[in-house]
Amino acid sequence: MSIPTDPLFWLVAGLAVLLVGLAKGGFAGLGAASMPLIALVMDPVQGAAMLLPILMAQDAVSVWSFRKEYDRALLWQMLPGAALGIFLGWLFANSVSTDAVKGLVGFIALAFGLYRLIENRLGTAGWAIAMPGWVGTFWGGVAGFTSHVAHAGGPPFQIWALSRNLPHTIFIGSSAIFFAAVNYMKVPAYLALGQFTAETLWLTLLFMPLAIISTIAGVILVRRISPARFHLAINLLMIVVGAELIRETLL
């Protein structure tokens, strides 16, 4: 891989980084469109390696901003499962092709986009279902696996977290701490698989200012405006991009 010169790459990848930053700042759900967008313009495995250091830097901002607002029980339930999911992702990484990863990203994007549209239609209260703690460990494992493969841990995390009916800022803070821990746990696996290259690290460095600025902007904006319209636009975007990735995989 060489540093891309196509303006479309910089536009699409920049949009992906911007969405991740807003998501880390508190607009939960926006970041789910980042990997599907990245997969449109570069190899998804290399794209995941490019994004990981960016996510870790954004995690530092979001964890600090919401450090006093989180649900301890939810984290204790989900993080052990996440560690196992990351291990399984590393274990099976060499047997999964790039096309399979692209197809998985597309399926997750399409399914989660539809899920969020249905959720918004029914209202959050419709998902507040009492379930035992081991179910949270299971969804933590799914989140760890999909996060390792394609930075797509948001959907399974939110399925469980939404069932807890947490206050908005507690939900954001719990998400920030959970994914900060998950992203740091992914580093040894990425190193072992040789996913970090000079090219991906250069791209990380070039996108880092946008990543930090967008995260800070998200922290400021999420306390002032409703994210509902942003979510609707991104959910529709995920459905379209997910369907395109699946089409490319099958053709």
C-alpha atoms as a PDB file:
ATOM      1  CA  MET A   1       0.000   0.000   0.000  1.00  0.00           C
ATOM      2  CA  SER A   2       1.206   3.528  -0.844  1.00  0.00           C
ATOM      3  CA  ILE A   3      -0.167   6.852   0.381  1.00  0.00           C
ATOM      4  CA  PRO A   4      -3.367   7.441  -1.671  1.00  0.00           C
ATOM      5  CA  THR A   5      -3.569  10.406  -4.027  1.00  0.00           C
ATOM      6  CA  ASP A   6      -7.218  10.030  -5.014  1.00  0.00           C
ATOM      7  CA  PRO A   7      -9.241  12.974  -3.621  1.00  0.00           C
ATOM      8  CA  LEU A   8     -12.189  10.614  -3.107  1.00  0.00           C
ATOM      9  CA  PHE A   9     -10.124   8.607  -0.625  1.00  0.00           C
ATOM     10  CA  TRP A  10      -9.347  11.670   1.491  1.00  0.00           C
ATOM     11  CA  LEU A  11     -12.974  12.820   1.383  1.00  0.00           C
ATOM     12  CA  VAL A  12     -14.453   9.447   2.387  1.00  0.00           C
ATOM     13  CA  ALA A  13     -11.751   8.552   4.929  1.00  0.00           C
ATOM     14  CA  GLY A  14     -11.939  12.042   6.411  1.00  0.00           C
ATOM     15  CA  LEU A  15     -15.709  11.680   6.804  1.00  0.00           C
ATOM     16  CA  ALA A  16     -15.152   8.327   8.539  1.00  0.00           C
ATOM     17  CA  VAL A  17     -12.690   9.850  11.008  1.00  0.00           C
ATOM     18  CA  LEU A  18     -15.046  12.783  11.618  1.00  0.00           C
ATOM     19  CA  LEU A  19     -17.944  10.445  12.399  1.00  0.00           C
ATOM     20  CA  VAL A  20     -15.818   8.382  14.781  1.00  0.00           C
ATOM     21  CA  GLY A  21     -14.769  11.566  16.563  1.00  0.00           C
ATOM     22  CA  LEU A  22     -18.362  12.730  17.001  1.00  0.00           C
ATOM     23  CA  ALA A  23     -19.275   9.236  18.221  1.00  0.00           C
ATOM     24  CA  LYS A  24     -16.457   9.238  20.770  1.00  0.00           C
ATOM     25  CA  GLY A  25     -17.608  12.669  21.860  1.00  0.00           C
ATOM     26  CA  GLY A  26     -21.034  11.313  22.726  1.00  0.00           C
ATOM     27  CA  PHE A  27     -23.096  10.805  19.546  1.00  0.00           C
ATOM     28  CA  ALA A  28     -23.245   7.049  20.065  1.00  0.00           C
ATOM     29  CA  GLY A  29     -23.951   5.142  16.874  1.00  0.00           C
ATOM     30  CA  LEU A  30     -22.347   7.550  14.415  1.00  0.00           C
ATOM     31  CA  GLY A  31     -19.040   5.688  14.479  1.00  0.00           C
ATOM     32  CA  ALA A  32     -20.647   2.495  13.201  1.00  0.00           C
ATOM     33  CA  ALA A  33     -20.510   3.957   9.680  1.00  0.00           C
ATOM     34  CA  SER A  34     -16.734   4.556   9.794  1.00  0.00           C
ATOM     35  CA  MET A  35     -15.422   1.118   8.799  1.00  0.00           C
ATOM     36  CA  PRO A  36     -18.039   0.601   6.065  1.00  0.00           C
ATOM     37  CA  LEU A  37     -16.951   3.955   4.602  1.00  0.00           C
ATOM     38  CA  ILE A  38     -13.251   3.096   4.944  1.00  0.00           C
ATOM     39  CA  ALA A  39     -13.861  -0.265   3.257  1.00  0.00           C
ATOM     40  CA  LEU A  40     -15.188   1.564   0.195  1.00  0.00           C
ATOM     41  CA  VAL A  41     -11.838   3.236  -0.485  1.00  0.00           C
ATOM     42  CA  MET A  42      -9.135   0.941   0.995  1.00  0.00           C
ATOM     43  CA  ASP A  43      -8.425  -2.598   2.157  1.00  0.00           C
ATOM     44  CA  PRO A  44     -10.564  -3.076   5.305  1.00  0.00           C
ATOM     45  CA  VAL A  45      -7.770  -4.863   7.215  1.00  0.00           C
ATOM     46  CA  GLN A  46      -5.352  -1.986   6.585  1.00  0.00           C
ATOM     47  CA  GLY A  47      -8.154   0.482   7.274  1.00  0.00           C
ATOM     48  CA  ALA A  48      -8.728  -1.105  10.674  1.00  0.00           C
ATOM     49  CA  ALA A  49      -5.005  -0.759  11.463  1.00  0.00           C
ATOM     50  CA  MET A  50      -5.050   2.891  10.395  1.00  0.00           C
ATOM     51  CA  LEU A  51      -8.050   3.649  12.613  1.00  0.00           C
ATOM     52  CA  LEU A  52      -6.939   1.877  15.799  1.00  0.00           C
ATOM     53  CA  PRO A  53      -4.399   4.499  17.019  1.00  0.00           C
ATOM     54  CA  ILE A  54      -6.907   7.214  16.091  1.00  0.00           C
ATOM     55  CA  LEU A  55      -9.572   5.492  18.172  1.00  0.00           C
ATOM     56  CA  MET A  56      -7.175   5.194  21.108  1.00  0.00           C
ATOM     57  CA  ALA A  57      -6.374   8.919  21.004  1.00  0.00           C
ATOM     58  CA  GLN A  58     -10.080   9.738  20.801  1.00  0.00           C
ATOM     59  CA  ASP A  59     -10.752   7.365  23.690  1.00  0.00           C
ATOM     60  CA  ALA A  60      -8.451   9.412  25.915  1.00  0.00           C
ATOM     61  CA  VAL A  61     -10.510  12.552  25.229  1.00  0.00           C
ATOM     62  CA  SER A  62     -13.891  10.876  25.699  1.00  0.00           C
ATOM     63  CA  VAL A  63     -12.926   8.953  28.856  1.00  0.00           C
ATOM     64  CA  TRP A  64     -11.587  12.126  30.476  1.00  0.00           C
ATOM     65  CA  SER A  65     -14.711  14.073  29.496  1.00  0.00           C
ATOM     66  CA  PHE A  66     -17.123  11.490  30.958  1.00  0.00           C
ATOM     67  CA  ARG A  67     -14.853  10.003  33.652  1.00  0.00           C
ATOM     68  CA  LYS A  68     -17.446  10.480  36.427  1.00  0.00           C
ATOM     69  CA  GLU A  69     -20.443   9.227  34.446  1.00  0.00           C
ATOM     70  CA  TYR A  70     -20.510   5.470  33.891  1.00  0.00           C
ATOM     71  CA  ASP A  71     -22.187   2.256  35.053  1.00  0.00           C
ATOM     72  CA  ARG A  72     -19.718   0.030  36.920  1.00  0.00           C
ATOM     73  CA  ALA A  73     -21.930  -3.080  36.806  1.00  0.00           C
ATOM     74  CA  LEU A  74     -22.292  -2.911  33.019  1.00  0.00           C
ATOM     75  CA  LEU A  75     -18.509  -2.737  32.567  1.00  0.00           C
ATOM     76  CA  TRP A  76     -17.927  -5.693  34.903  1.00  0.00           C
ATOM     77  CA  GLN A  77     -20.463  -7.697  32.916  1.00  0.00           C
ATOM     78  CA  MET A  78     -19.141  -6.887  29.439  1.00  0.00           C
ATOM     79  CA  LEU A  79     -15.350  -6.533  29.624  1.00  0.00           C
ATOM     80  CA  PRO A  80     -14.509 -10.210  30.399  1.00  0.00           C
ATOM     81  CA  GLY A  81     -16.547 -11.281  27.394  1.00  0.00           C
ATOM     82  CA  ALA A  82     -14.867  -8.605  25.277  1.00  0.00           C
ATOM     83  CA  ALA A  83     -11.419  -9.963  26.149  1.00  0.00           C
ATOM     84  CA  LEU A  84     -12.482 -13.446  25.028  1.00  0.00           C
ATOM     85  CA  GLY A  85     -14.017 -12.043  21.834  1.00  0.00           C
ATOM     86  CA  ILE A  86     -10.782 -10.228  20.964  1.00  0.00           C
ATOM     87  CA  PHE A  87      -8.815 -13.435  21.530  1.00  0.00           C
ATOM     88  CA  LEU A  88     -11.163 -15.330  19.197  1.00  0.00           C
ATOM     89  CA  GLY A  89     -10.841 -12.559  16.619  1.00  0.00           C
ATOM     90  CA  TRP A  90      -7.053 -12.899  16.740  1.00  0.00           C
ATOM     91  CA  LEU A  91      -7.290 -16.705  16.635  1.00  0.00           C
ATOM     92  CA  PHE A  92      -9.368 -16.748  13.457  1.00  0.00           C
ATOM     93  CA  ALA A  93      -7.851 -13.681  11.775  1.00  0.00           C
ATOM     94  CA  ASN A  94      -5.483 -15.585   9.467  1.00  0.00           C
ATOM     95  CA  SER A  95      -8.304 -17.776   8.166  1.00  0.00           C
ATOM     96  CA  VAL A  96     -10.564 -14.868   7.196  1.00  0.00           C
ATOM     97  CA  SER A  97     -10.122 -13.302   3.748  1.00  0.00           C
ATOM     98  CA  THR A  98     -10.289  -9.587   2.968  1.00  0.00           C
ATOM     99  CA  ASP A  99     -13.512 -10.136   1.031  1.00  0.00           C
ATOM    100  CA  ALA A 100     -15.009 -11.929   4.011  1.00  0.00           C
ATOM    101  CA  VAL A 101     -14.098  -8.999   6.263  1.00  0.00           C
ATOM    102  CA  LYS A 102     -15.637  -6.556   3.781  1.00  0.00           C
ATOM    103  CA  GLY A 103     -18.786  -8.662   3.630  1.00  0.00           C
ATOM    104  CA  LEU A 104     -18.959  -8.867   7.433  1.00  0.00           C
ATOM    105  CA  VAL A 105     -18.569  -5.101   7.736  1.00  0.00           C
ATOM    106  CA  GLY A 106     -21.320  -4.632   5.158  1.00  0.00           C
ATOM    107  CA  PHE A 107     -23.658  -7.055   6.923  1.00  0.00           C
ATOM    108  CA  ILE A 108     -23.068  -5.409  10.313  1.00  0.00           C
ATOM    109  CA  ALA A 109     -23.651  -1.951   8.826  1.00  0.00           C
ATOM    110  CA  LEU A 110     -26.857  -3.002   7.066  1.00  0.00           C
ATOM    111  CA  ALA A 111     -28.230  -4.917  10.060  1.00  0.00           C
ATOM    112  CA  PHE A 112     -27.360  -2.202  12.572  1.00  0.00           C
ATOM    113  CA  GLY A 113     -28.731   0.576  10.374  1.00  0.00           C
ATOM    114  CA  LEU A 114     -32.049  -1.251  10.132  1.00  0.00           C
ATOM    115  CA  TYR A 115     -31.953  -2.071  13.853  1.00  0.00           C
ATOM    116  CA  ARG A 116     -31.458   1.572  14.786  1.00  0.00           C
ATOM    117  CA  LEU A 117     -34.279   2.718  12.503  1.00  0.00           C
ATOM    118  CA  ILE A 118     -36.612   0.196  14.158  1.00  0.00           C
ATOM    119  CA  GLU A 119     -35.381   1.248  17.599  1.00  0.00           C
ATOM    120  CA  ASN A 120     -36.055   4.898  16.852  1.00  0.00           C
ATOM    121  CA  ARG A 121     -39.510   3.977  15.606  1.00  0.00           C
ATOM    122  CA  LEU A 122     -40.391   1.976  18.710  1.00  0.00           C
ATOM    123  CA  GLY A 123     -38.611   4.201  21.227  1.00  0.00           C
ATOM    124  CA  THR A 124     -35.790   3.274  23.624  1.00  0.00           C
ATOM    125  CA  ALA A 125     -38.219   2.026  26.255  1.00  0.00           C
ATOM    126  CA  GLY A 126     -39.188  -0.830  23.959  1.00  0.00           C
ATOM    127  CA  TRP A 127     -35.689  -2.283  24.372  1.00  0.00           C
ATOM    128  CA  ALA A 128     -35.467  -1.928  28.149  1.00  0.00           C
ATOM    129  CA  ILE A 129     -35.823  -5.653  28.874  1.00  0.00           C
ATOM    130  CA  ALA A 130     -34.706  -7.295  32.135  1.00  0.00           C
ATOM    131  CA  MET A 131     -32.057  -9.937  31.377  1.00  0.00           C
ATOM    132  CA  PRO A 132     -29.461 -11.763  33.524  1.00  0.00           C
ATOM    133  CA  GLY A 133     -25.878 -10.476  33.688  1.00  0.00           C
ATOM    134  CA  TRP A 134     -24.387 -13.344  31.671  1.00  0.00           C
ATOM    135  CA  VAL A 135     -26.244 -12.022  28.633  1.00  0.00           C
ATOM    136  CA  GLY A 136     -24.159  -8.852  28.982  1.00  0.00           C
ATOM    137  CA  THR A 137     -20.996 -10.986  29.040  1.00  0.00           C
ATOM    138  CA  PHE A 138     -22.150 -12.679  25.834  1.00  0.00           C
ATOM    139  CA  TRP A 139     -22.772  -9.368  24.079  1.00  0.00           C
ATOM    140  CA  GLY A 140     -19.428  -8.142  25.383  1.00  0.00           C
ATOM    141  CA  GLY A 141     -17.828 -11.117  23.627  1.00  0.00           C
ATOM    142  CA  VAL A 142     -19.635 -10.326  20.376  1.00  0.00           C
ATOM    143  CA  ALA A 143     -18.564  -6.686  20.703  1.00  0.00           C
ATOM    144  CA  GLY A 144     -14.941  -7.709  21.277  1.00  0.00           C
ATOM    145  CA  PHE A 145     -14.924 -10.015  18.238  1.00  0.00           C
ATOM    146  CA  THR A 146     -16.567  -7.586  15.818  1.00  0.00           C
ATOM    147  CA  SER A 147     -14.445  -4.732  17.174  1.00  0.00           C
ATOM    148  CA  HIS A 148     -11.256  -6.711  16.544  1.00  0.00           C
ATOM    149  CA  VAL A 149     -12.277  -7.670  13.020  1.00  0.00           C
ATOM    150  CA  ALA A 150     -13.763  -4.376  11.854  1.00  0.00           C
ATOM    151  CA  HIS A 151     -14.028  -1.822  14.709  1.00  0.00           C
ATOM    152  CA  ALA A 152     -17.725  -2.687  14.693  1.00  0.00           C
ATOM    153  CA  GLY A 153     -18.322  -3.355  18.375  1.00  0.00           C
ATOM    154  CA  GLY A 154     -20.915  -0.606  18.718  1.00  0.00           C
ATOM    155  CA  PRO A 155     -24.002  -2.600  17.645  1.00  0.00           C
ATOM    156  CA  PRO A 156     -23.624  -5.508  20.134  1.00  0.00           C
ATOM    157  CA  PHE A 157     -22.563  -3.110  22.910  1.00  0.00           C
ATOM    158  CA  GLN A 158     -25.634  -0.978  22.358  1.00  0.00           C
ATOM    159  CA  ILE A 159     -27.987  -3.976  22.230  1.00  0.00           C
ATOM    160  CA  TRP A 160     -27.042  -4.754  25.827  1.00  0.00           C
ATOM    161  CA  ALA A 161     -26.470  -1.212  27.088  1.00  0.00           C
ATOM    162  CA  LEU A 162     -29.817   0.014  25.768  1.00  0.00           C
ATOM    163  CA  SER A 163     -31.552  -2.792  27.653  1.00  0.00           C
ATOM    164  CA  ARG A 164     -30.220  -1.232  30.882  1.00  0.00           C
ATOM    165  CA  ASN A 165     -32.167   1.990  30.170  1.00  0.00           C
ATOM    166  CA  LEU A 166     -29.274   4.137  31.412  1.00  0.00           C
ATOM    167  CA  PRO A 167     -29.347   7.951  31.546  1.00  0.00           C
ATOM    168  CA  HIS A 168     -27.867   9.475  28.402  1.00  0.00           C
ATOM    169  CA  THR A 169     -24.546  10.654  29.866  1.00  0.00           C
ATOM    170  CA  ILE A 170     -24.089   7.402  31.861  1.00  0.00           C
ATOM    171  CA  PHE A 171     -24.571   5.479  28.627  1.00  0.00           C
ATOM    172  CA  ILE A 172     -21.970   7.669  26.891  1.00  0.00           C
ATOM    173  CA  GLY A 173     -19.448   7.375  29.724  1.00  0.00           C
ATOM    174  CA  SER A 174     -19.858   3.590  29.969  1.00  0.00           C
ATOM    175  CA  SER A 175     -19.391   3.286  26.206  1.00  0.00           C
ATOM    176  CA  ALA A 176     -16.270   5.473  26.327  1.00  0.00           C
ATOM    177  CA  ILE A 177     -14.603   3.371  29.045  1.00  0.00           C
ATOM    178  CA  PHE A 178     -15.650   0.056  27.490  1.00  0.00           C
ATOM    179  CA  PHE A 179     -14.226   0.821  24.058  1.00  0.00           C
ATOM    180  CA  ALA A 180     -11.099   2.443  25.462  1.00  0.00           C
ATOM    181  CA  ALA A 181     -10.363  -0.848  27.245  1.00  0.00           C
ATOM    182  CA  VAL A 182     -11.277  -2.883  24.160  1.00  0.00           C
ATOM    183  CA  ASN A 183      -9.072  -0.833  21.837  1.00  0.00           C
ATOM    184  CA  TYR A 184      -6.046  -1.128  24.111  1.00  0.00           C
ATOM    185  CA  MET A 185      -6.617  -4.890  24.380  1.00  0.00           C
ATOM    186  CA  LYS A 186      -6.580  -5.109  20.575  1.00  0.00           C
ATOM    187  CA  VAL A 187      -3.059  -3.668  20.201  1.00  0.00           C
ATOM    188  CA  PRO A 188      -1.100  -6.899  20.964  1.00  0.00           C
ATOM    189  CA  ALA A 189      -3.283  -8.846  18.515  1.00  0.00           C
ATOM    190  CA  TYR A 190      -2.781  -6.263  15.762  1.00  0.00           C
ATOM    191  CA  LEU A 191       0.976  -6.282  16.383  1.00  0.00           C
ATOM    192  CA  ALA A 192       1.096 -10.084  16.301  1.00  0.00           C
ATOM    193  CA  LEU A 193      -0.763 -10.118  12.988  1.00  0.00           C
ATOM    194  CA  GLY A 194       1.546  -7.470  11.469  1.00  0.00           C
ATOM    195  CA  GLN A 195      -1.328  -5.148  10.615  1.00  0.00           C
ATOM    196  CA  PHE A 196       0.562  -1.950  11.434  1.00  0.00           C
ATOM    197  CA  THR A 197       2.682  -0.772   8.481  1.00  0.00           C
ATOM    198  CA  ALA A 198       4.573   2.426   7.708  1.00  0.00           C
ATOM    199  CA  GLU A 199       1.812   3.483   5.316  1.00  0.00           C
ATOM    200  CA  THR A 200      -1.062   2.927   7.740  1.00  0.00           C
ATOM    201  CA  LEU A 201       0.809   4.742  10.514  1.00  0.00           C
ATOM    202  CA  TRP A 202       1.470   7.703   8.198  1.00  0.00           C
ATOM    203  CA  LEU A 203      -2.237   7.884   7.398  1.00  0.00           C
ATOM    204  CA  THR A 204      -2.989   7.706  11.118  1.00  0.00           C
ATOM    205  CA  LEU A 205      -0.689  10.648  11.738  1.00  0.00           C
ATOM    206  CA  LEU A 206      -2.234  12.704   8.934  1.00  0.00           C
ATOM    207  CA  PHE A 207      -5.785  12.145  10.175  1.00  0.00           C
ATOM    208  CA  MET A 208      -4.996  12.586  13.886  1.00  0.00           C
ATOM    209  CA  PRO A 209      -5.686  16.375  14.096  1.00  0.00           C
ATOM    210  CA  LEU A 210      -9.145  15.896  12.582  1.00  0.00           C
ATOM    211  CA  ALA A 211      -9.747  12.994  14.971  1.00  0.00           C
ATOM    212  CA  ILE A 212      -8.982  15.034  18.087  1.00  0.00           C
ATOM    213  CA  ILE A 213     -10.891  18.131  16.945  1.00  0.00           C
ATOM    214  CA  SER A 214     -13.992  16.118  16.014  1.00  0.00           C
ATOM    215  CA  THR A 215     -13.974  14.312  19.376  1.00  0.00           C
ATOM    216  CA  ILE A 216     -13.788  17.586  21.315  1.00  0.00           C
ATOM    217  CA  ALA A 217     -16.557  18.980  19.109  1.00  0.00           C
ATOM    218  CA  GLY A 218     -18.697  15.940  19.894  1.00  0.00           C
ATOM    219  CA  VAL A 219     -18.185  16.393  23.653  1.00  0.00           C
ATOM    220  CA  ILE A 220     -19.289  20.024  23.393  1.00  0.00           C
ATOM    221  CA  LEU A 221     -22.226  19.462  21.047  1.00  0.00           C
ATOM    222  CA  VAL A 222     -23.713  16.367  22.700  1.00  0.00           C
ATOM    223  CA  ARG A 223     -24.565  18.345  25.836  1.00  0.00           C
ATOM    224  CA  ARG A 224     -26.343  21.038  23.822  1.00  0.00           C
ATOM    225  CA  ILE A 225     -28.296  19.414  20.998  1.00  0.00           C
ATOM    226  CA  SER A 226     -30.290  16.263  20.361  1.00  0.00           C
ATOM    227  CA  PRO A 227     -28.445  13.663  18.251  1.00  0.00           C
ATOM    228  CA  ALA A 228     -31.677  12.274  16.764  1.00  0.00           C
ATOM    229  CA  ARG A 229     -31.330  13.887  13.312  1.00  0.00           C
ATOM    230  CA  PHE A 230     -27.667  12.947  13.104  1.00  0.00           C
ATOM    231  CA  HIS A 231     -28.561   9.349  13.928  1.00  0.00           C
ATOM    232  CA  LEU A 232     -31.261   9.184  11.263  1.00  0.00           C
ATOM    233  CA  ALA A 233     -28.874  10.397   8.549  1.00  0.00           C
ATOM    234  CA  ILE A 234     -26.112   8.015   9.623  1.00  0.00           C
ATOM    235  CA  ASN A 235     -28.479   5.052   9.927  1.00  0.00           C
ATOM    236  CA  LEU A 236     -29.585   5.610   6.339  1.00  0.00           C
ATOM    237  CA  LEU A 237     -25.955   6.013   5.282  1.00  0.00           C
ATOM    238  CA  MET A 238     -25.040   2.717   6.957  1.00  0.00           C
ATOM    239  CA  ILE A 239     -27.834   0.890   5.144  1.00  0.00           C
ATOM    240  CA  VAL A 240     -26.721   2.214   1.752  1.00  0.00           C
ATOM    241  CA  VAL A 241     -22.998   1.621   2.357  1.00  0.00           C
ATOM    242  CA  GLY A 242     -23.614  -1.809   3.897  1.00  0.00           C
ATOM    243  CA  ALA A 243     -25.669  -2.909   0.898  1.00  0.00           C
ATOM    244  CA  GLU A 244     -22.917  -1.674  -1.447  1.00  0.00           C
ATOM    245  CA  LEU A 245     -20.210  -3.599   0.435  1.00  0.00           C
ATOM    246  CA  ILE A 246     -22.291  -6.775   0.336  1.00  0.00           C
ATOM    247  CA  ARG A 247     -22.855  -6.268  -3.399  1.00  0.00           C
ATOM    248  CA  GLU A 248     -19.113  -5.849  -3.999  1.00  0.00           C
ATOM    249  CA  THR A 249     -18.367  -8.982  -1.959  1.00  0.00           C
ATOM    250  CA  LEU A 250     -20.859 -11.139  -3.859  1.00  0.00           C
ATOM    251  CA  LEU A 251     -19.878  -9.971  -7.357  1.00  0.00           C
END
